[in-house]
């Protein structure tokens, strides 16, 4: 399972980075990944075909898409699509930011988990 991190680089532009989870065997036919501390959840609904031009993440969030899909564009023109089951760590709090565009016929429903600022 991969998580995608969206962050501001030293060039003040947003970048994508693949974060691979390390799953530790628990000895009972299950595994656990390292804890990413959060402080609660926020459920958001985004209308189909909504466009949000360049902006920053409103804070450090883990964003888990439940349904629908969104394209996220960063400063170098790269676009990644996030759909049901995808996880994004949104951390581009400064710099150029990113743009989003909801895609598909249905609204996107996502869970936002606020993360502590000291990671």
PDB file of N, CA and C in Angstrom:
ATOM      1  N   UNK A   1       0.851  -1.186   0.000  1.00  0.00           N
ATOM      2  CA  UNK A   1       0.000   0.000   0.000  1.00  0.00           C
ATOM      3  C   UNK A   1       0.885   1.232   0.000  1.00  0.00           C
ATOM      4  N   UNK A   2       0.602   2.143  -0.901  1.00  0.00           N
ATOM      5  CA  UNK A   2       1.371   3.378  -0.976  1.00  0.00           C
ATOM      6  C   UNK A   2       0.506   4.555  -0.549  1.00  0.00           C
ATOM      7  N   UNK A   3       1.140   5.522   0.050  1.00  0.00           N
ATOM      8  CA  UNK A   3       0.518   6.804   0.381  1.00  0.00           C
ATOM      9  C   UNK A   3       1.284   7.844  -0.415  1.00  0.00           C
ATOM     10  N   UNK A   4       0.582   8.836  -0.946  1.00  0.00           N
ATOM     11  CA  UNK A   4       1.236   9.908  -1.687  1.00  0.00           C
ATOM     12  C   UNK A   4       1.292  11.134  -0.799  1.00  0.00           C
ATOM     13  N   UNK A   5       2.496  11.692  -0.672  1.00  0.00           N
ATOM     14  CA  UNK A   5       2.706  12.915   0.101  1.00  0.00           C
ATOM     15  C   UNK A   5       2.746  14.091  -0.873  1.00  0.00           C
ATOM     16  N   UNK A   6       2.023  15.170  -0.568  1.00  0.00           N
ATOM     17  CA  UNK A   6       2.021  16.418  -1.324  1.00  0.00           C
ATOM     18  C   UNK A   6       2.640  17.456  -0.421  1.00  0.00           C
ATOM     19  N   UNK A   7       3.811  17.991  -0.799  1.00  0.00           N
ATOM     20  CA  UNK A   7       4.556  18.881   0.097  1.00  0.00           C
ATOM     21  C   UNK A   7       5.199  20.014  -0.683  1.00  0.00           C
ATOM     22  N   UNK A   8       5.625  21.065   0.041  1.00  0.00           N
ATOM     23  CA  UNK A   8       6.340  22.186  -0.554  1.00  0.00           C
ATOM     24  C   UNK A   8       7.833  21.905  -0.489  1.00  0.00           C
ATOM     25  N   UNK A   9       8.500  21.957  -1.638  1.00  0.00           N
ATOM     26  CA  UNK A   9       9.944  21.733  -1.696  1.00  0.00           C
ATOM     27  C   UNK A   9      10.715  23.017  -1.462  1.00  0.00           C
ATOM     28  N   UNK A  10      12.032  22.893  -1.438  1.00  0.00           N
ATOM     29  CA  UNK A  10      12.892  24.061  -1.227  1.00  0.00           C
ATOM     30  C   UNK A  10      12.763  25.074  -2.362  1.00  0.00           C
ATOM     31  N   UNK A  11      12.209  24.627  -3.514  1.00  0.00           N
ATOM     32  CA  UNK A  11      11.988  25.529  -4.645  1.00  0.00           C
ATOM     33  C   UNK A  11      10.651  26.266  -4.544  1.00  0.00           C
ATOM     34  N   UNK A  12       9.942  26.093  -3.384  1.00  0.00           N
ATOM     35  CA  UNK A  12       8.649  26.730  -3.120  1.00  0.00           C
ATOM     36  C   UNK A  12       7.553  26.231  -4.057  1.00  0.00           C
ATOM     37  N   UNK A  13       7.741  25.051  -4.657  1.00  0.00           N
ATOM     38  CA  UNK A  13       6.718  24.433  -5.491  1.00  0.00           C
ATOM     39  C   UNK A  13       6.238  23.169  -4.806  1.00  0.00           C
ATOM     40  N   UNK A  14       5.014  22.766  -5.129  1.00  0.00           N
ATOM     41  CA  UNK A  14       4.479  21.521  -4.579  1.00  0.00           C
ATOM     42  C   UNK A  14       5.048  20.336  -5.341  1.00  0.00           C
ATOM     43  N   UNK A  15       5.243  19.232  -4.617  1.00  0.00           N
ATOM     44  CA  UNK A  15       5.783  18.003  -5.197  1.00  0.00           C
ATOM     45  C   UNK A  15       4.994  16.818  -4.675  1.00  0.00           C
ATOM     46  N   UNK A  16       5.023  15.696  -5.440  1.00  0.00           N
ATOM     47  CA  UNK A  16       4.480  14.428  -4.991  1.00  0.00           C
ATOM     48  C   UNK A  16       5.630  13.534  -4.563  1.00  0.00           C
ATOM     49  N   UNK A  17       5.418  12.714  -3.533  1.00  0.00           N
ATOM     50  CA  UNK A  17       6.406  11.733  -3.091  1.00  0.00           C
ATOM     51  C   UNK A  17       5.655  10.479  -2.638  1.00  0.00           C
ATOM     52  N   UNK A  18       6.075   9.320  -3.136  1.00  0.00           N
ATOM     53  CA  UNK A  18       5.487   8.057  -2.704  1.00  0.00           C
ATOM     54  C   UNK A  18       6.036   7.706  -1.326  1.00  0.00           C
ATOM     55  N   UNK A  19       5.155   7.395  -0.380  1.00  0.00           N
ATOM     56  CA  UNK A  19       5.550   6.987   0.962  1.00  0.00           C
ATOM     57  C   UNK A  19       5.129   5.525   1.119  1.00  0.00           C
ATOM     58  N   UNK A  20       6.088   4.649   1.292  1.00  0.00           N
ATOM     59  CA  UNK A  20       5.786   3.229   1.464  1.00  0.00           C
ATOM     60  C   UNK A  20       5.644   2.926   2.945  1.00  0.00           C
ATOM     61  N   UNK A  21       4.557   2.276   3.292  1.00  0.00           N
ATOM     62  CA  UNK A  21       4.346   1.894   4.684  1.00  0.00           C
ATOM     63  C   UNK A  21       5.141   0.626   4.996  1.00  0.00           C
ATOM     64  N   UNK A  22       5.660   0.551   6.190  1.00  0.00           N
ATOM     65  CA  UNK A  22       6.309  -0.654   6.685  1.00  0.00           C
ATOM     66  C   UNK A  22       5.290  -1.371   7.552  1.00  0.00           C
ATOM     67  N   UNK A  23       4.909  -2.561   7.137  1.00  0.00           N
ATOM     68  CA  UNK A  23       3.909  -3.347   7.867  1.00  0.00           C
ATOM     69  C   UNK A  23       4.641  -4.369   8.733  1.00  0.00           C
ATOM     70  N   UNK A  24       4.419  -4.301  10.028  1.00  0.00           N
ATOM     71  CA  UNK A  24       5.031  -5.238  10.980  1.00  0.00           C
ATOM     72  C   UNK A  24       4.053  -6.377  11.262  1.00  0.00           C
ATOM     73  N   UNK A  25       4.525  -7.609  11.111  1.00  0.00           N
ATOM     74  CA  UNK A  25       3.706  -8.787  11.391  1.00  0.00           C
ATOM     75  C   UNK A  25       3.359  -8.819  12.875  1.00  0.00           C
ATOM     76  N   UNK A  26       2.091  -9.014  13.177  1.00  0.00           N
ATOM     77  CA  UNK A  26       1.633  -9.051  14.561  1.00  0.00           C
ATOM     78  C   UNK A  26       1.515 -10.472  15.099  1.00  0.00           C
ATOM     79  N   UNK A  27       1.841 -11.476  14.266  1.00  0.00           N
ATOM     80  CA  UNK A  27       1.832 -12.857  14.724  1.00  0.00           C
ATOM     81  C   UNK A  27       0.464 -13.490  14.803  1.00  0.00           C
ATOM     82  N   UNK A  28      -0.564 -12.785  14.350  1.00  0.00           N
ATOM     83  CA  UNK A  28      -1.923 -13.332  14.404  1.00  0.00           C
ATOM     84  C   UNK A  28      -2.621 -13.203  13.048  1.00  0.00           C
ATOM     85  N   UNK A  29      -1.839 -13.370  11.987  1.00  0.00           N
ATOM     86  CA  UNK A  29      -2.303 -13.226  10.609  1.00  0.00           C
ATOM     87  C   UNK A  29      -2.782 -11.806  10.315  1.00  0.00           C
ATOM     88  N   UNK A  30      -2.124 -10.835  10.961  1.00  0.00           N
ATOM     89  CA  UNK A  30      -2.410  -9.431  10.686  1.00  0.00           C
ATOM     90  C   UNK A  30      -1.101  -8.656  10.758  1.00  0.00           C
ATOM     91  N   UNK A  31      -1.128  -7.436  10.244  1.00  0.00           N
ATOM     92  CA  UNK A  31       0.034  -6.565  10.296  1.00  0.00           C
ATOM     93  C   UNK A  31      -0.397  -5.158  10.620  1.00  0.00           C
ATOM     94  N   UNK A  32       0.527  -4.389  11.161  1.00  0.00           N
ATOM     95  CA  UNK A  32       0.244  -3.014  11.559  1.00  0.00           C
ATOM     96  C   UNK A  32       1.329  -2.099  11.015  1.00  0.00           C
ATOM     97  N   UNK A  33       0.899  -0.964  10.437  1.00  0.00           N
ATOM     98  CA  UNK A  33       1.844   0.040   9.968  1.00  0.00           C
ATOM     99  C   UNK A  33       2.091   1.047  11.081  1.00  0.00           C
ATOM    100  N   UNK A  34       3.161   1.837  10.918  1.00  0.00           N
ATOM    101  CA  UNK A  34       3.485   2.853  11.919  1.00  0.00           C
ATOM    102  C   UNK A  34       2.340   3.849  12.045  1.00  0.00           C
ATOM    103  N   UNK A  35       2.198   4.420  13.208  1.00  0.00           N
ATOM    104  CA  UNK A  35       1.143   5.375  13.513  1.00  0.00           C
ATOM    105  C   UNK A  35       1.456   6.725  12.885  1.00  0.00           C
ATOM    106  N   UNK A  36       0.466   7.302  12.231  1.00  0.00           N
ATOM    107  CA  UNK A  36       0.542   8.681  11.770  1.00  0.00           C
ATOM    108  C   UNK A  36      -0.411   9.453  12.672  1.00  0.00           C
ATOM    109  N   UNK A  37       0.105  10.210  13.650  1.00  0.00           N
ATOM    110  CA  UNK A  37      -0.764  10.854  14.641  1.00  0.00           C
ATOM    111  C   UNK A  37      -1.739  11.842  14.004  1.00  0.00           C
ATOM    112  N   UNK A  38      -2.991  11.776  14.436  1.00  0.00           N
ATOM    113  CA  UNK A  38      -4.028  12.687  13.974  1.00  0.00           C
ATOM    114  C   UNK A  38      -4.831  13.201  15.157  1.00  0.00           C
ATOM    115  N   UNK A  39      -5.768  14.114  14.888  1.00  0.00           N
ATOM    116  CA  UNK A  39      -6.535  14.710  15.983  1.00  0.00           C
ATOM    117  C   UNK A  39      -8.043  14.610  15.801  1.00  0.00           C
ATOM    118  N   UNK A  40      -8.508  13.909  14.787  1.00  0.00           N
ATOM    119  CA  UNK A  40      -9.938  13.788  14.545  1.00  0.00           C
ATOM    120  C   UNK A  40     -10.179  13.538  13.074  1.00  0.00           C
ATOM    121  N   UNK A  41     -11.434  13.566  12.640  1.00  0.00           N
ATOM    122  CA  UNK A  41     -11.723  13.429  11.215  1.00  0.00           C
ATOM    123  C   UNK A  41     -12.738  14.477  10.792  1.00  0.00           C
ATOM    124  N   UNK A  42     -12.678  14.821   9.514  1.00  0.00           N
ATOM    125  CA  UNK A  42     -13.605  15.749   8.891  1.00  0.00           C
ATOM    126  C   UNK A  42     -14.046  15.094   7.595  1.00  0.00           C
ATOM    127  N   UNK A  43     -15.343  14.944   7.381  1.00  0.00           N
ATOM    128  CA  UNK A  43     -15.852  14.389   6.133  1.00  0.00           C
ATOM    129  C   UNK A  43     -16.228  15.557   5.231  1.00  0.00           C
ATOM    130  N   UNK A  44     -15.730  15.523   3.970  1.00  0.00           N
ATOM    131  CA  UNK A  44     -16.034  16.599   3.027  1.00  0.00           C
ATOM    132  C   UNK A  44     -16.643  16.020   1.763  1.00  0.00           C
ATOM    133  N   UNK A  45     -17.574  16.759   1.184  1.00  0.00           N
ATOM    134  CA  UNK A  45     -18.209  16.391  -0.075  1.00  0.00           C
ATOM    135  C   UNK A  45     -17.892  17.483  -1.086  1.00  0.00           C
ATOM    136  N   UNK A  46     -17.385  17.066  -2.253  1.00  0.00           N
ATOM    137  CA  UNK A  46     -17.032  17.998  -3.321  1.00  0.00           C
ATOM    138  C   UNK A  46     -17.901  17.682  -4.534  1.00  0.00           C
ATOM    139  N   UNK A  47     -18.623  18.670  -5.048  1.00  0.00           N
ATOM    140  CA  UNK A  47     -19.498  18.459  -6.195  1.00  0.00           C
ATOM    141  C   UNK A  47     -18.704  17.993  -7.414  1.00  0.00           C
ATOM    142  N   UNK A  48     -19.313  17.132  -8.220  1.00  0.00           N
ATOM    143  CA  UNK A  48     -18.692  16.674  -9.466  1.00  0.00           C
ATOM    144  C   UNK A  48     -18.364  17.889 -10.330  1.00  0.00           C
ATOM    145  N   UNK A  49     -17.236  17.848 -10.991  1.00  0.00           N
ATOM    146  CA  UNK A  49     -16.766  18.910 -11.897  1.00  0.00           C
ATOM    147  C   UNK A  49     -16.379  20.204 -11.187  1.00  0.00           C
ATOM    148  N   UNK A  50     -16.245  20.188  -9.858  1.00  0.00           N
ATOM    149  CA  UNK A  50     -15.764  21.365  -9.117  1.00  0.00           C
ATOM    150  C   UNK A  50     -14.291  21.590  -9.458  1.00  0.00           C
ATOM    151  N   UNK A  51     -13.897  22.837  -9.598  1.00  0.00           N
ATOM    152  CA  UNK A  51     -12.505  23.202  -9.843  1.00  0.00           C
ATOM    153  C   UNK A  51     -12.078  24.173  -8.754  1.00  0.00           C
ATOM    154  N   UNK A  52     -10.926  23.923  -8.155  1.00  0.00           N
ATOM    155  CA  UNK A  52     -10.367  24.831  -7.159  1.00  0.00           C
ATOM    156  C   UNK A  52      -8.977  25.214  -7.649  1.00  0.00           C
ATOM    157  N   UNK A  53      -8.801  26.444  -8.168  1.00  0.00           N
ATOM    158  CA  UNK A  53      -7.501  26.843  -8.706  1.00  0.00           C
ATOM    159  C   UNK A  53      -6.423  26.851  -7.624  1.00  0.00           C
ATOM    160  N   UNK A  54      -5.243  27.237  -7.966  1.00  0.00           N
ATOM    161  CA  UNK A  54      -4.068  27.162  -7.094  1.00  0.00           C
ATOM    162  C   UNK A  54      -4.376  27.598  -5.670  1.00  0.00           C
ATOM    163  N   UNK A  55      -4.022  26.716  -4.743  1.00  0.00           N
ATOM    164  CA  UNK A  55      -4.234  26.970  -3.321  1.00  0.00           C
ATOM    165  C   UNK A  55      -3.297  26.078  -2.519  1.00  0.00           C
ATOM    166  N   UNK A  56      -3.177  26.346  -1.238  1.00  0.00           N
ATOM    167  CA  UNK A  56      -2.370  25.524  -0.337  1.00  0.00           C
ATOM    168  C   UNK A  56      -3.287  24.587   0.437  1.00  0.00           C
ATOM    169  N   UNK A  57      -2.705  23.525   0.972  1.00  0.00           N
ATOM    170  CA  UNK A  57      -3.441  22.705   1.929  1.00  0.00           C
ATOM    171  C   UNK A  57      -3.764  23.595   3.123  1.00  0.00           C
ATOM    172  N   UNK A  58      -4.965  23.472   3.704  1.00  0.00           N
ATOM    173  CA  UNK A  58      -5.343  24.327   4.827  1.00  0.00           C
ATOM    174  C   UNK A  58      -4.634  23.965   6.123  1.00  0.00           C
ATOM    175  N   UNK A  59      -3.879  22.921   6.117  1.00  0.00           N
ATOM    176  CA  UNK A  59      -3.129  22.398   7.255  1.00  0.00           C
ATOM    177  C   UNK A  59      -2.602  21.037   6.846  1.00  0.00           C
ATOM    178  N   UNK A  60      -1.855  20.382   7.735  1.00  0.00           N
ATOM    179  CA  UNK A  60      -1.382  19.024   7.430  1.00  0.00           C
ATOM    180  C   UNK A  60      -2.547  18.051   7.618  1.00  0.00           C
ATOM    181  N   UNK A  61      -2.914  17.351   6.543  1.00  0.00           N
ATOM    182  CA  UNK A  61      -4.036  16.415   6.582  1.00  0.00           C
ATOM    183  C   UNK A  61      -3.672  15.119   5.880  1.00  0.00           C
ATOM    184  N   UNK A  62      -4.176  14.016   6.408  1.00  0.00           N
ATOM    185  CA  UNK A  62      -4.265  12.774   5.656  1.00  0.00           C
ATOM    186  C   UNK A  62      -5.643  12.809   5.016  1.00  0.00           C
ATOM    187  N   UNK A  63      -5.703  12.653   3.702  1.00  0.00           N
ATOM    188  CA  UNK A  63      -6.961  12.724   2.971  1.00  0.00           C
ATOM    189  C   UNK A  63      -7.226  11.352   2.358  1.00  0.00           C
ATOM    190  N   UNK A  64      -8.317  10.717   2.773  1.00  0.00           N
ATOM    191  CA  UNK A  64      -8.679   9.396   2.279  1.00  0.00           C
ATOM    192  C   UNK A  64      -9.937   9.545   1.444  1.00  0.00           C
ATOM    193  N   UNK A  65      -9.838   9.226   0.155  1.00  0.00           N
ATOM    194  CA  UNK A  65     -10.988   9.339  -0.731  1.00  0.00           C
ATOM    195  C   UNK A  65     -11.859   8.095  -0.588  1.00  0.00           C
ATOM    196  N   UNK A  66     -13.138   8.313  -0.308  1.00  0.00           N
ATOM    197  CA  UNK A  66     -14.086   7.211  -0.169  1.00  0.00           C
ATOM    198  C   UNK A  66     -14.814   6.909  -1.466  1.00  0.00           C
ATOM    199  N   UNK A  67     -15.197   7.961  -2.206  1.00  0.00           N
ATOM    200  CA  UNK A  67     -15.880   7.781  -3.485  1.00  0.00           C
ATOM    201  C   UNK A  67     -15.596   8.985  -4.364  1.00  0.00           C
ATOM    202  N   UNK A  68     -15.823   8.820  -5.659  1.00  0.00           N
ATOM    203  CA  UNK A  68     -15.516   9.885  -6.605  1.00  0.00           C
ATOM    204  C   UNK A  68     -14.022   9.942  -6.861  1.00  0.00           C
ATOM    205  N   UNK A  69     -13.578  11.000  -7.522  1.00  0.00           N
ATOM    206  CA  UNK A  69     -12.158  11.140  -7.857  1.00  0.00           C
ATOM    207  C   UNK A  69     -11.803  12.606  -8.032  1.00  0.00           C
ATOM    208  N   UNK A  70     -10.510  12.899  -7.853  1.00  0.00           N
ATOM    209  CA  UNK A  70      -9.993  14.250  -8.021  1.00  0.00           C
ATOM    210  C   UNK A  70      -8.645  14.179  -8.727  1.00  0.00           C
ATOM    211  N   UNK A  71      -8.391  15.119  -9.634  1.00  0.00           N
ATOM    212  CA  UNK A  71      -7.074  15.309 -10.221  1.00  0.00           C
ATOM    213  C   UNK A  71      -6.409  16.447  -9.475  1.00  0.00           C
ATOM    214  N   UNK A  72      -5.156  16.236  -9.066  1.00  0.00           N
ATOM    215  CA  UNK A  72      -4.385  17.283  -8.393  1.00  0.00           C
ATOM    216  C   UNK A  72      -3.183  17.612  -9.264  1.00  0.00           C
ATOM    217  N   UNK A  73      -3.036  18.906  -9.594  1.00  0.00           N
ATOM    218  CA  UNK A  73      -1.927  19.380 -10.417  1.00  0.00           C
ATOM    219  C   UNK A  73      -0.949  20.153  -9.557  1.00  0.00           C
ATOM    220  N   UNK A  74       0.355  19.918  -9.791  1.00  0.00           N
ATOM    221  CA  UNK A  74       1.391  20.662  -9.084  1.00  0.00           C
ATOM    222  C   UNK A  74       2.161  21.532 -10.070  1.00  0.00           C
ATOM    223  N   UNK A  75       3.080  22.345  -9.555  1.00  0.00           N
ATOM    224  CA  UNK A  75       3.757  23.382 -10.312  1.00  0.00           C
ATOM    225  C   UNK A  75       4.498  22.945 -11.555  1.00  0.00           C
ATOM    226  N   UNK A  76       5.002  21.702 -11.596  1.00  0.00           N
ATOM    227  CA  UNK A  76       5.735  21.261 -12.788  1.00  0.00           C
ATOM    228  C   UNK A  76       4.804  20.703 -13.857  1.00  0.00           C
ATOM    229  N   UNK A  77       3.483  20.815 -13.623  1.00  0.00           N
ATOM    230  CA  UNK A  77       2.507  20.335 -14.589  1.00  0.00           C
ATOM    231  C   UNK A  77       2.073  18.888 -14.369  1.00  0.00           C
ATOM    232  N   UNK A  78       2.687  18.190 -13.417  1.00  0.00           N
ATOM    233  CA  UNK A  78       2.292  16.816 -13.121  1.00  0.00           C
ATOM    234  C   UNK A  78       0.883  16.792 -12.549  1.00  0.00           C
ATOM    235  N   UNK A  79       0.129  15.783 -12.940  1.00  0.00           N
ATOM    236  CA  UNK A  79      -1.235  15.595 -12.434  1.00  0.00           C
ATOM    237  C   UNK A  79      -1.351  14.158 -11.952  1.00  0.00           C
ATOM    238  N   UNK A  80      -1.921  13.995 -10.765  1.00  0.00           N
ATOM    239  CA  UNK A  80      -2.195  12.658 -10.232  1.00  0.00           C
ATOM    240  C   UNK A  80      -3.673  12.576  -9.916  1.00  0.00           C
ATOM    241  N   UNK A  81      -4.251  11.419 -10.211  1.00  0.00           N
ATOM    242  CA  UNK A  81      -5.667  11.184  -9.909  1.00  0.00           C
ATOM    243  C   UNK A  81      -5.770  10.355  -8.635  1.00  0.00           C
ATOM    244  N   UNK A  82      -6.652  10.786  -7.730  1.00  0.00           N
ATOM    245  CA  UNK A  82      -6.915  10.092  -6.479  1.00  0.00           C
ATOM    246  C   UNK A  82      -8.375   9.672  -6.477  1.00  0.00           C
ATOM    247  N   UNK A  83      -8.593   8.373  -6.276  1.00  0.00           N
ATOM    248  CA  UNK A  83      -9.947   7.835  -6.261  1.00  0.00           C
ATOM    249  C   UNK A  83     -10.191   7.050  -4.989  1.00  0.00           C
ATOM    250  N   UNK A  84     -11.282   6.308  -4.977  1.00  0.00           N
ATOM    251  CA  UNK A  84     -11.686   5.549  -3.795  1.00  0.00           C
ATOM    252  C   UNK A  84     -10.541   4.665  -3.298  1.00  0.00           C
ATOM    253  N   UNK A  85     -10.239   4.807  -2.009  1.00  0.00           N
ATOM    254  CA  UNK A  85      -9.189   4.015  -1.371  1.00  0.00           C
ATOM    255  C   UNK A  85      -7.825   4.664  -1.377  1.00  0.00           C
ATOM    256  N   UNK A  86      -7.636   5.742  -2.115  1.00  0.00           N
ATOM    257  CA  UNK A  86      -6.331   6.410  -2.156  1.00  0.00           C
ATOM    258  C   UNK A  86      -6.144   7.302  -0.938  1.00  0.00           C
ATOM    259  N   UNK A  87      -4.873   7.409  -0.508  1.00  0.00           N
ATOM    260  CA  UNK A  87      -4.519   8.223   0.657  1.00  0.00           C
ATOM    261  C   UNK A  87      -3.504   9.272   0.220  1.00  0.00           C
ATOM    262  N   UNK A  88      -3.746  10.517   0.588  1.00  0.00           N
ATOM    263  CA  UNK A  88      -2.861  11.642   0.290  1.00  0.00           C
ATOM    264  C   UNK A  88      -2.466  12.303   1.600  1.00  0.00           C
ATOM    265  N   UNK A  89      -1.179  12.565   1.783  1.00  0.00           N
ATOM    266  CA  UNK A  89      -0.718  13.389   2.903  1.00  0.00           C
ATOM    267  C   UNK A  89      -0.526  14.797   2.357  1.00  0.00           C
ATOM    268  N   UNK A  90      -1.438  15.698   2.655  1.00  0.00           N
ATOM    269  CA  UNK A  90      -1.385  17.066   2.133  1.00  0.00           C
ATOM    270  C   UNK A  90      -0.576  17.929   3.092  1.00  0.00           C
ATOM    271  N   UNK A  91       0.584  18.402   2.625  1.00  0.00           N
ATOM    272  CA  UNK A  91       1.500  19.170   3.475  1.00  0.00           C
ATOM    273  C   UNK A  91       2.079  20.387   2.768  1.00  0.00           C
ATOM    274  N   UNK A  92       1.545  20.760   1.611  1.00  0.00           N
ATOM    275  CA  UNK A  92       2.102  21.915   0.897  1.00  0.00           C
ATOM    276  C   UNK A  92       1.445  23.192   1.418  1.00  0.00           C
ATOM    277  N   UNK A  93       1.938  23.653   2.558  1.00  0.00           N
ATOM    278  CA  UNK A  93       1.339  24.777   3.274  1.00  0.00           C
ATOM    279  C   UNK A  93       1.834  26.130   2.797  1.00  0.00           C
ATOM    280  N   UNK A  94       2.904  26.158   2.017  1.00  0.00           N
ATOM    281  CA  UNK A  94       3.486  27.402   1.519  1.00  0.00           C
ATOM    282  C   UNK A  94       3.803  27.228   0.040  1.00  0.00           C
ATOM    283  N   UNK A  95       4.384  28.256  -0.550  1.00  0.00           N
ATOM    284  CA  UNK A  95       4.819  28.164  -1.943  1.00  0.00           C
ATOM    285  C   UNK A  95       3.654  28.275  -2.916  1.00  0.00           C
ATOM    286  N   UNK A  96       3.862  27.708  -4.098  1.00  0.00           N
ATOM    287  CA  UNK A  96       2.909  27.842  -5.189  1.00  0.00           C
ATOM    288  C   UNK A  96       1.578  27.144  -4.926  1.00  0.00           C
ATOM    289  N   UNK A  97       1.608  26.037  -4.215  1.00  0.00           N
ATOM    290  CA  UNK A  97       0.386  25.295  -3.948  1.00  0.00           C
ATOM    291  C   UNK A  97       0.054  24.329  -5.071  1.00  0.00           C
ATOM    292  N   UNK A  98      -1.221  23.944  -5.146  1.00  0.00           N
ATOM    293  CA  UNK A  98      -1.682  22.955  -6.118  1.00  0.00           C
ATOM    294  C   UNK A  98      -3.093  23.319  -6.561  1.00  0.00           C
ATOM    295  N   UNK A  99      -3.521  22.756  -7.666  1.00  0.00           N
ATOM    296  CA  UNK A  99      -4.882  22.945  -8.146  1.00  0.00           C
ATOM    297  C   UNK A  99      -5.619  21.620  -8.129  1.00  0.00           C
ATOM    298  N   UNK A 100      -6.933  21.644  -7.907  1.00  0.00           N
ATOM    299  CA  UNK A 100      -7.716  20.418  -7.895  1.00  0.00           C
ATOM    300  C   UNK A 100      -8.893  20.530  -8.850  1.00  0.00           C
ATOM    301  N   UNK A 101      -9.258  19.366  -9.393  1.00  0.00           N
ATOM    302  CA  UNK A 101     -10.422  19.290 -10.279  1.00  0.00           C
ATOM    303  C   UNK A 101     -11.108  17.956 -10.028  1.00  0.00           C
ATOM    304  N   UNK A 102     -12.357  18.009  -9.569  1.00  0.00           N
ATOM    305  CA  UNK A 102     -13.127  16.785  -9.363  1.00  0.00           C
ATOM    306  C   UNK A 102     -13.421  16.196 -10.730  1.00  0.00           C
ATOM    307  N   UNK A 103     -13.349  14.874 -10.850  1.00  0.00           N
ATOM    308  CA  UNK A 103     -13.574  14.209 -12.137  1.00  0.00           C
ATOM    309  C   UNK A 103     -14.616  13.113 -11.971  1.00  0.00           C
ATOM    310  N   UNK A 104     -15.302  12.832 -13.038  1.00  0.00           N
ATOM    311  CA  UNK A 104     -16.288  11.769 -13.012  1.00  0.00           C
ATOM    312  C   UNK A 104     -17.682  12.293 -12.782  1.00  0.00           C
ATOM    313  N   UNK A 105     -18.626  11.406 -12.859  1.00  0.00           N
ATOM    314  CA  UNK A 105     -20.024  11.828 -12.787  1.00  0.00           C
ATOM    315  C   UNK A 105     -20.554  12.034 -11.370  1.00  0.00           C
ATOM    316  N   UNK A 106     -19.821  11.587 -10.359  1.00  0.00           N
ATOM    317  CA  UNK A 106     -20.348  11.671  -8.996  1.00  0.00           C
ATOM    318  C   UNK A 106     -19.510  12.599  -8.125  1.00  0.00           C
ATOM    319  N   UNK A 107     -20.115  13.077  -7.047  1.00  0.00           N
ATOM    320  CA  UNK A 107     -19.389  13.906  -6.079  1.00  0.00           C
ATOM    321  C   UNK A 107     -18.282  13.069  -5.436  1.00  0.00           C
ATOM    322  N   UNK A 108     -17.236  13.760  -4.994  1.00  0.00           N
ATOM    323  CA  UNK A 108     -16.166  13.070  -4.258  1.00  0.00           C
ATOM    324  C   UNK A 108     -16.439  13.222  -2.767  1.00  0.00           C
ATOM    325  N   UNK A 109     -16.360  12.116  -2.057  1.00  0.00           N
ATOM    326  CA  UNK A 109     -16.476  12.125  -0.594  1.00  0.00           C
ATOM    327  C   UNK A 109     -15.111  11.718  -0.049  1.00  0.00           C
ATOM    328  N   UNK A 110     -14.539  12.552   0.808  1.00  0.00           N
ATOM    329  CA  UNK A 110     -13.227  12.270   1.390  1.00  0.00           C
ATOM    330  C   UNK A 110     -13.257  12.508   2.888  1.00  0.00           C
ATOM    331  N   UNK A 111     -12.426  11.763   3.581  1.00  0.00           N
ATOM    332  CA  UNK A 111     -12.197  11.976   5.011  1.00  0.00           C
ATOM    333  C   UNK A 111     -10.868  12.711   5.145  1.00  0.00           C
ATOM    334  N   UNK A 112     -10.869  13.809   5.906  1.00  0.00           N
ATOM    335  CA  UNK A 112      -9.665  14.569   6.203  1.00  0.00           C
ATOM    336  C   UNK A 112      -9.311  14.333   7.667  1.00  0.00           C
ATOM    337  N   UNK A 113      -8.098  13.877   7.908  1.00  0.00           N
ATOM    338  CA  UNK A 113      -7.620  13.651   9.273  1.00  0.00           C
ATOM    339  C   UNK A 113      -6.540  14.678   9.574  1.00  0.00           C
ATOM    340  N   UNK A 114      -6.802  15.658  10.445  1.00  0.00           N
ATOM    341  CA  UNK A 114      -5.767  16.637  10.797  1.00  0.00           C
ATOM    342  C   UNK A 114      -4.567  15.936  11.439  1.00  0.00           C
ATOM    343  N   UNK A 115      -3.369  16.335  11.018  1.00  0.00           N
ATOM    344  CA  UNK A 115      -2.134  15.773  11.554  1.00  0.00           C
ATOM    345  C   UNK A 115      -1.412  16.819  12.379  1.00  0.00           C
ATOM    346  N   UNK A 116      -0.637  16.365  13.348  1.00  0.00           N
ATOM    347  CA  UNK A 116       0.118  17.305  14.173  1.00  0.00           C
ATOM    348  C   UNK A 116       1.144  18.029  13.319  1.00  0.00           C
ATOM    349  N   UNK A 117       1.538  19.215  13.760  1.00  0.00           N
ATOM    350  CA  UNK A 117       2.482  20.039  12.999  1.00  0.00           C
ATOM    351  C   UNK A 117       3.925  19.640  13.220  1.00  0.00           C
ATOM    352  N   UNK A 118       4.217  18.733  14.128  1.00  0.00           N
ATOM    353  CA  UNK A 118       5.595  18.425  14.477  1.00  0.00           C
ATOM    354  C   UNK A 118       6.074  17.094  13.908  1.00  0.00           C
ATOM    355  N   UNK A 119       5.714  16.836  12.640  1.00  0.00           N
ATOM    356  CA  UNK A 119       6.178  15.582  12.010  1.00  0.00           C
ATOM    357  C   UNK A 119       7.329  15.839  11.082  1.00  0.00           C
TER     358      UNK A 119
END
